[in-house]
Protein backbone atom coordinates (compact mmCIF):
# COMPACT_ATOMS: atom_id res chain seq x y z
CA MET A 1 45.35 82.27 -22.82
CA SER A 2 47.30 80.42 -25.50
CA PRO A 3 50.68 78.62 -25.38
CA ILE A 4 53.86 80.64 -25.88
CA LYS A 5 54.24 81.47 -29.56
CA GLU A 6 57.21 79.86 -31.34
CA LEU A 7 58.16 77.98 -28.17
CA SER A 8 55.38 75.66 -27.03
CA SER A 9 55.20 74.09 -30.50
CA ILE A 10 58.90 73.11 -30.54
CA ARG A 11 59.61 69.41 -29.99
CA ARG A 12 62.83 67.47 -29.40
CA LEU A 13 63.36 63.73 -29.50
CA PRO A 14 65.32 62.10 -26.66
CA ARG A 15 68.79 61.27 -28.01
CA ALA A 16 70.46 57.92 -27.36
CA GLY A 17 73.76 58.77 -29.01
CA ILE A 18 75.67 59.92 -32.09
CA ILE A 19 76.89 57.87 -35.04
CA ARG A 20 79.55 59.32 -37.34
CA LEU A 21 80.51 58.83 -40.98
CA GLY A 22 84.25 59.24 -40.50
CA VAL A 23 87.15 59.69 -38.09
CA ARG A 24 89.58 62.49 -37.30
CA VAL A 25 93.16 61.97 -38.43
CA LYS A 26 96.13 63.78 -36.89
CA THR A 27 98.24 65.83 -39.32
CA GLU A 28 101.82 67.11 -39.04
CA LYS A 29 100.63 70.71 -38.76
CA LYS A 30 100.98 72.13 -35.27
CA CYS A 31 98.05 73.82 -33.56
CA ARG A 32 98.28 77.36 -32.21
CA CYS A 33 97.35 76.15 -28.73
CA ASP A 34 100.39 73.82 -28.77
CA GLY A 35 98.33 71.18 -26.98
CA LYS A 36 97.83 73.29 -23.88
CA ASN A 37 94.09 73.69 -24.47
CA LYS A 38 92.59 70.26 -23.89
CA SER A 39 89.18 71.45 -25.18
CA CYS A 40 90.59 72.81 -28.45
CA LEU A 41 88.36 71.75 -31.36
CA SER A 42 91.20 71.87 -33.89
CA CYS A 43 93.64 69.49 -32.23
CA LEU A 44 91.58 67.93 -29.42
CA GLY A 45 94.42 68.74 -27.03
CA THR A 46 97.06 66.81 -29.02
CA GLY A 47 98.96 69.87 -30.28
CA PHE A 48 98.53 68.81 -33.93
CA ILE A 49 95.69 69.80 -36.25
CA GLN A 50 93.22 66.98 -36.89
CA ARG A 51 91.27 66.63 -40.14
CA PRO A 52 88.14 64.57 -40.81
CA LYS A 53 88.49 61.48 -42.98
CA GLU A 54 85.50 59.64 -44.44
CA THR A 55 85.13 55.91 -43.78
CA ASN A 56 83.16 53.31 -45.72
CA PHE A 57 81.41 52.18 -42.53
CA PHE A 58 79.43 53.74 -39.69
CA VAL A 59 81.55 54.81 -36.71
CA VAL A 60 79.42 53.56 -33.83
CA PRO A 61 79.77 53.34 -30.02
CA GLU A 62 80.36 50.05 -28.21
CA LYS A 63 76.70 49.24 -27.51
CA VAL A 64 75.98 49.38 -31.25
CA GLN A 65 79.15 47.43 -32.07
CA ALA A 66 77.85 44.65 -29.83
CA VAL A 67 74.96 44.15 -32.29
CA TYR A 68 76.38 45.08 -35.71
CA GLY A 69 80.14 44.63 -35.31
CA LYS A 70 83.01 47.10 -35.04
CA GLU A 71 82.72 48.53 -38.57
CA PRO A 72 79.10 48.07 -39.70
CA LYS A 73 78.14 49.09 -43.24
CA LYS A 74 74.42 48.83 -42.61
CA LEU A 75 72.09 49.40 -39.65
CA LYS A 76 68.49 48.30 -39.17
CA ILE A 77 66.51 51.41 -38.30
CA LEU A 78 63.05 52.87 -37.71
CA ILE A 79 62.10 56.47 -38.40
CA PRO A 80 60.26 57.66 -35.24
CA VAL A 81 57.89 60.31 -36.67
CA GLU A 82 56.47 61.55 -39.98
CA ASP A 83 57.64 65.17 -39.68
CA GLU A 84 60.86 65.61 -41.67
CA GLU A 85 61.58 68.84 -39.84
CA ILE A 86 62.06 66.64 -36.77
CA PHE A 87 63.77 63.50 -38.10
CA PHE A 88 65.72 64.94 -41.07
CA ARG A 89 66.43 68.66 -40.77
CA GLN A 90 68.23 70.13 -43.80
CA TYR A 91 69.77 73.61 -43.75
CA TYR A 92 72.91 75.54 -44.53
CA TYR A 93 74.85 75.83 -41.27
CA SER A 94 77.84 77.98 -40.38
CA TYR A 95 79.71 77.37 -37.14
CA GLY A 96 82.43 79.26 -35.30
CA LYS A 97 84.23 78.12 -32.16
CA GLY A 98 81.66 75.38 -31.65
CA PHE A 99 78.66 77.71 -31.90
CA LEU A 100 76.00 77.98 -34.60
CA LEU A 101 76.49 81.39 -36.19
CA CYS A 102 74.19 81.17 -39.21
CA LYS A 103 71.29 79.01 -40.45
CA GLY A 104 69.80 79.29 -43.93
CA ASP A 105 67.33 77.51 -46.20
CA GLY A 106 68.82 78.46 -49.57
CA GLU A 107 66.84 81.70 -49.82
CA ASP A 108 67.03 83.45 -46.46
CA ALA A 109 69.33 83.03 -43.46
CA VAL A 110 69.44 84.15 -39.85
CA TYR A 111 72.93 84.94 -38.53
CA TRP A 112 74.53 86.39 -35.42
CA ASP A 113 75.86 89.92 -35.95
CA PHE A 114 78.71 90.48 -33.50
CA ASP A 115 78.69 94.24 -34.10
CA LYS A 116 75.00 94.64 -33.30
CA GLY A 117 74.91 91.87 -30.72
CA ASP A 118 71.73 90.39 -32.18
CA TYR A 119 70.41 88.08 -34.89
CA GLN A 120 70.01 89.55 -38.38
CA THR A 121 68.74 88.24 -41.73
CA ARG A 122 70.42 88.04 -45.12
CA LYS A 123 70.21 86.21 -48.42
CA CYS A 124 71.27 82.56 -48.57
CA PRO A 125 73.62 81.16 -49.70
CA CYS A 126 76.30 83.82 -49.35
CA GLU A 127 80.03 84.09 -49.97
CA LYS A 128 80.76 81.89 -46.91
CA LEU A 129 79.58 78.81 -48.79
CA GLU A 130 82.28 79.09 -51.47
CA ALA A 131 84.83 80.04 -48.81
CA GLY A 132 84.17 76.77 -47.00
CA LYS A 133 82.84 78.47 -43.88
CA CYS A 134 79.30 77.18 -44.46
CA SER A 135 77.99 73.80 -45.54
CA GLN A 136 74.78 72.06 -46.58
CA THR A 137 73.80 69.81 -43.70
CA GLY A 138 71.32 67.01 -43.13
CA ILE A 139 70.68 65.72 -39.60
CA LEU A 140 69.05 62.28 -39.59
CA GLN A 141 67.47 60.90 -36.40
CA PHE A 142 66.27 57.31 -36.09
CA ILE A 143 65.69 54.39 -33.74
CA LEU A 144 67.92 51.30 -33.57
CA PRO A 145 65.32 48.70 -32.48
CA GLU A 146 67.86 45.88 -32.09
CA VAL A 147 70.12 47.83 -29.72
CA GLU A 148 69.17 47.31 -26.09
CA GLU A 149 68.87 50.17 -23.61
CA SER A 150 68.51 52.79 -26.34
CA ALA A 151 64.91 53.97 -26.27
CA GLY A 152 65.98 57.36 -27.63
CA VAL A 153 67.00 58.29 -31.17
CA TRP A 154 70.44 58.07 -32.75
CA GLN A 155 71.75 60.95 -34.81
CA ILE A 156 73.92 61.13 -37.93
CA THR A 157 75.02 64.44 -39.47
CA THR A 158 76.00 64.54 -43.14
CA HIS A 159 77.26 67.34 -45.38
CA SER A 160 77.10 65.17 -48.49
CA ARG A 161 74.85 66.41 -51.28
CA ASN A 162 74.50 62.85 -52.57
CA SER A 163 73.47 61.50 -49.17
CA ILE A 164 70.86 64.23 -48.69
CA ILE A 165 69.39 63.52 -52.14
CA ASP A 166 69.44 59.73 -51.58
CA ILE A 167 67.75 59.97 -48.17
CA ASN A 168 65.05 62.34 -49.46
CA SER A 169 64.46 60.08 -52.46
CA GLY A 170 64.14 57.06 -50.18
CA ILE A 171 61.61 58.85 -47.97
CA ASP A 172 59.33 59.64 -50.92
CA TYR A 173 59.67 56.14 -52.39
CA ILE A 174 58.83 54.35 -49.14
CA ARG A 175 55.87 56.63 -48.46
CA GLY A 176 54.59 55.83 -51.94
CA ILE A 177 54.63 52.11 -51.12
CA ALA A 178 53.76 51.91 -47.41
CA GLY A 179 51.77 55.13 -47.05
CA ARG A 180 54.12 56.41 -44.37
CA ILE A 181 57.78 56.46 -43.30
CA ALA A 182 57.44 56.20 -39.51
CA PHE A 183 57.97 52.70 -38.05
CA VAL A 184 58.57 50.98 -41.37
CA PRO A 185 61.61 48.65 -40.98
CA LEU A 186 64.52 49.90 -43.09
CA TRP A 187 68.25 49.39 -43.51
CA LEU A 188 70.53 52.42 -43.50
CA VAL A 189 73.60 51.59 -45.60
CA ARG A 190 76.88 53.08 -46.86
CA ASP A 191 77.03 52.74 -50.63
CA GLU A 192 80.17 53.41 -52.66
CA ILE A 193 79.85 55.78 -55.62
CA GLN A 194 82.32 57.41 -57.99
CA THR A 195 82.54 61.21 -57.72
CA GLN A 196 84.03 63.90 -59.90
CA LYS A 197 84.75 67.55 -59.22
CA MET A 198 86.30 70.23 -61.37
CA ASP A 199 89.49 72.07 -60.37
CA LYS A 200 90.70 75.23 -62.11
CA GLU A 201 94.26 73.93 -62.37
CA LYS A 202 93.95 70.13 -62.35
CA GLY A 203 90.69 69.80 -64.26
CA ALA A 204 88.40 66.84 -63.42
CA ILE A 205 89.35 65.09 -60.19
CA LYS A 206 87.79 61.66 -59.67
CA GLY A 207 87.31 60.07 -56.30
CA LYS A 208 85.23 57.73 -54.15
CA HIS A 209 82.44 58.61 -51.76
CA TRP A 210 80.32 56.39 -49.54
CA THR A 211 76.85 57.86 -49.69
CA MET A 212 74.24 57.14 -47.02
CA LYS A 213 70.91 55.76 -48.24
CA PHE A 214 67.97 53.50 -47.36
CA SER A 215 67.95 49.86 -48.42
CA LEU A 216 64.59 48.09 -48.31
CA GLU A 217 65.62 44.40 -48.26
CA ALA A 218 61.93 43.50 -48.22
CA SER A 219 59.23 42.82 -50.78
CA LEU A 220 56.70 45.49 -51.72
CA ARG A 221 54.01 43.46 -49.99
CA GLN A 222 56.03 43.29 -46.75
CA LEU A 223 56.48 47.07 -46.81
CA GLN A 224 52.76 47.60 -47.30
CA GLU A 225 52.00 45.16 -44.48
CA ALA A 226 54.35 47.08 -42.18
CA GLY A 227 52.55 50.26 -43.11
CA GLN A 228 49.27 48.76 -41.87
CA ILE A 229 50.54 48.22 -38.32
CA PRO A 230 49.76 51.20 -36.08
CA PRO A 231 53.08 52.72 -34.88
CA GLU A 232 51.99 52.54 -31.25
CA ARG A 233 51.59 48.75 -31.60
CA PHE A 234 54.66 48.05 -33.73
CA PHE A 235 56.68 46.26 -31.02
CA LEU A 236 53.74 44.21 -29.71
CA PRO A 237 53.53 40.54 -30.74
CA ILE A 238 51.12 39.77 -33.58
CA PRO A 239 48.07 37.86 -32.27
CA ASP A 240 47.77 34.22 -33.23
CA GLU A 241 45.43 33.56 -36.15
CA SER A 242 43.13 31.63 -33.80
CA GLN A 243 42.40 34.90 -32.02
CA VAL A 244 40.67 36.21 -35.14
CA ALA A 245 39.05 32.95 -36.18
CA GLY A 246 36.01 33.38 -38.38
CA LEU A 247 37.65 35.97 -40.57
CA LEU A 248 39.50 33.43 -42.70
CA PRO A 249 37.94 31.49 -45.62
CA ALA A 250 35.88 28.48 -44.56
CA ASN A 251 37.44 25.05 -44.54
CA GLU A 252 37.17 23.88 -48.14
CA GLU A 253 36.80 20.23 -47.17
CA ASN A 254 33.75 20.40 -44.93
CA GLY A 255 32.63 24.03 -45.16
CA ASP A 256 32.83 24.45 -41.39
CA GLU A 257 34.08 27.65 -39.88
CA THR A 258 36.36 27.67 -36.85
CA ALA A 259 34.54 28.92 -33.79
CA SER A 260 35.73 32.25 -32.54
CA GLU A 261 37.26 32.62 -29.11
CA PRO A 262 35.41 34.29 -26.22
CA PRO A 263 35.49 38.09 -26.18
CA LYS A 264 38.69 39.65 -24.83
CA PRO A 265 38.80 42.29 -22.09
CA ASP A 266 40.14 44.90 -24.51
CA SER A 267 37.46 44.36 -27.16
CA ILE A 268 36.24 47.68 -28.52
CA THR A 269 33.70 46.73 -31.19
CA THR A 270 31.66 43.94 -32.72
CA LEU A 271 32.07 42.99 -36.37
CA THR A 272 29.53 41.04 -38.39
CA LEU A 273 31.16 38.61 -40.81
CA THR A 274 29.83 37.64 -44.25
CA THR A 275 28.37 34.50 -42.67
CA GLY A 276 26.37 36.59 -40.21
CA LYS A 277 28.48 35.58 -37.23
CA LYS A 278 29.35 38.37 -34.82
CA ILE A 279 32.73 38.56 -33.12
CA LYS A 280 34.15 41.01 -30.62
CA VAL A 281 37.59 42.39 -31.46
CA ASN A 282 40.06 45.02 -30.33
CA ARG A 283 41.30 47.69 -32.72
CA TYR A 284 44.32 45.73 -33.91
CA GLU A 285 42.18 42.67 -34.69
CA ALA A 286 39.59 44.88 -36.40
CA LEU A 287 42.24 46.29 -38.74
CA ARG A 288 43.37 42.74 -39.47
CA SER A 289 39.76 42.00 -40.45
CA PHE A 290 39.75 44.94 -42.85
CA LYS A 291 42.94 43.62 -44.37
CA LYS A 292 41.46 40.15 -44.88
CA ILE A 293 38.28 41.37 -46.53
CA GLU A 294 40.36 43.69 -48.73
CA LYS A 295 42.07 40.61 -50.18
CA GLU A 296 38.65 39.15 -51.11
CA MET A 297 37.42 42.34 -52.80
CA SER A 298 38.59 44.29 -55.81
CA LYS A 299 40.83 47.23 -54.98
CA MET A 300 38.35 49.63 -56.58
CA ASP A 301 35.38 48.34 -54.52
CA PHE A 302 37.37 48.48 -51.30
CA GLU A 303 38.73 51.99 -51.85
CA MET A 304 35.39 53.38 -53.07
CA THR A 305 33.57 52.02 -50.02
CA LEU A 306 36.11 53.67 -47.71
CA ASP A 307 35.95 56.88 -49.72
CA VAL A 308 32.16 57.08 -49.43
CA ALA A 309 32.58 56.67 -45.66
CA GLY A 310 35.06 59.56 -45.68
CA TYR A 311 38.35 57.68 -45.23
CA LYS A 312 41.36 56.88 -47.36
CA LYS A 313 42.57 53.88 -45.36
CA PRO A 314 41.27 51.78 -42.42
CA GLU A 315 43.78 53.25 -39.95
CA GLN A 316 41.95 56.58 -40.19
CA ILE A 317 38.65 55.13 -39.00
CA PRO A 318 37.84 55.93 -35.33
CA ASP A 319 36.94 53.04 -33.02
CA GLU A 320 33.24 53.91 -32.90
CA LYS A 321 32.95 53.79 -36.73
CA LEU A 322 34.84 50.55 -37.39
CA ALA A 323 31.77 48.31 -37.27
CA ASN A 324 29.70 50.56 -39.55
CA VAL A 325 32.37 50.80 -42.22
CA PHE A 326 33.06 47.05 -42.02
CA ASP A 327 29.31 46.41 -42.52
CA GLU A 328 29.41 48.49 -45.71
CA LEU A 329 32.39 46.48 -46.96
CA VAL A 330 30.57 43.22 -46.27
CA LYS A 331 27.50 44.50 -48.16
CA GLN A 332 29.65 45.45 -51.13
CA TYR A 333 31.43 42.08 -50.99
CA LYS A 334 28.12 40.17 -50.99
CA LEU A 335 26.70 42.33 -53.76
CA ARG A 336 29.69 41.63 -55.96
CA LEU A 337 29.58 37.92 -55.07
CA GLU A 338 25.89 37.69 -55.99
CA THR A 339 26.64 39.32 -59.34
CA VAL A 340 29.37 36.80 -60.07
CA THR A 341 27.13 33.92 -58.90
CA ASP A 342 24.38 34.98 -61.28
CA LEU A 343 26.84 34.94 -64.17
CA THR A 344 28.81 31.79 -63.42
CA ASN A 345 26.82 30.02 -60.67
CA PRO A 346 29.91 28.92 -58.72
CA GLU A 347 29.79 27.35 -55.30
CA GLU A 348 29.90 30.22 -52.83
CA THR A 349 32.60 30.02 -50.19
CA PRO A 350 32.08 32.38 -47.24
CA PHE A 351 35.01 33.64 -45.19
């Protein structure tokens, strides 16, 4: 037997709360319910129609205000997963009376047919988009690591074309630098831009819009370093350098190497250093070792050695293969060092 098709594969992230990009402002226009329906979505029980108004800050609940202030313009975030279908869904949505009536991807849509009492398909977009009954929508979900008691994800919904483009552009750019988007520290910011739309009667109408985008606020090296930390270990403290002694360059003054500490209970493999010394390390320390030897080698030698072993980056290497691949890197490092020594005869400094 197999899992239920189109059901068992669906995943949802636990939600901590909702953050908005604007507020609702009461107008002078009276609602048909006259305020008698307290659950009315048009007037919220006030008796007057309320319209959305964009703000230049994030509208956040009190627990987020306690960290970032009452009207924050930027939030420190983490994307929880790599799948954009989970953390940044983008579709055309049409709602009616609080219910989702139609969902489309720009080519095809599934909508509820009241006459037939079932879901039907049609081309997307349709006339409802121009009529304002449908809108392009991006739903961003992320973690706020600095907000206590919020282990779930926070959600922001945007209908802004500029925000959707800026977020997608940021995702591709960060992946190009760090190799992934999940658990890379980012800032989500509101950025003011000038907009212009054409009106049949008034012509070009200029305005302001506060787009939502990623801000790095870190060097390229820091982003790449963050990309090397396994997501499941992101919140754990980084081990002290003394815990991986023997992997650093030897003391230049006396040539002595710091003695490594006794093996730890969670050690998973043994690495042989360029000096021949063997140390026992856990997976996190092993990946730190790969990072250190990468700095001593040329990028081409390092990547070719991994490629021959069948991997693109150290994080892909299973625990049982870490030592073997590290041995190959050490061999390549020594081979290159011997070649340089033969040409220049420098004093060799092991690490």
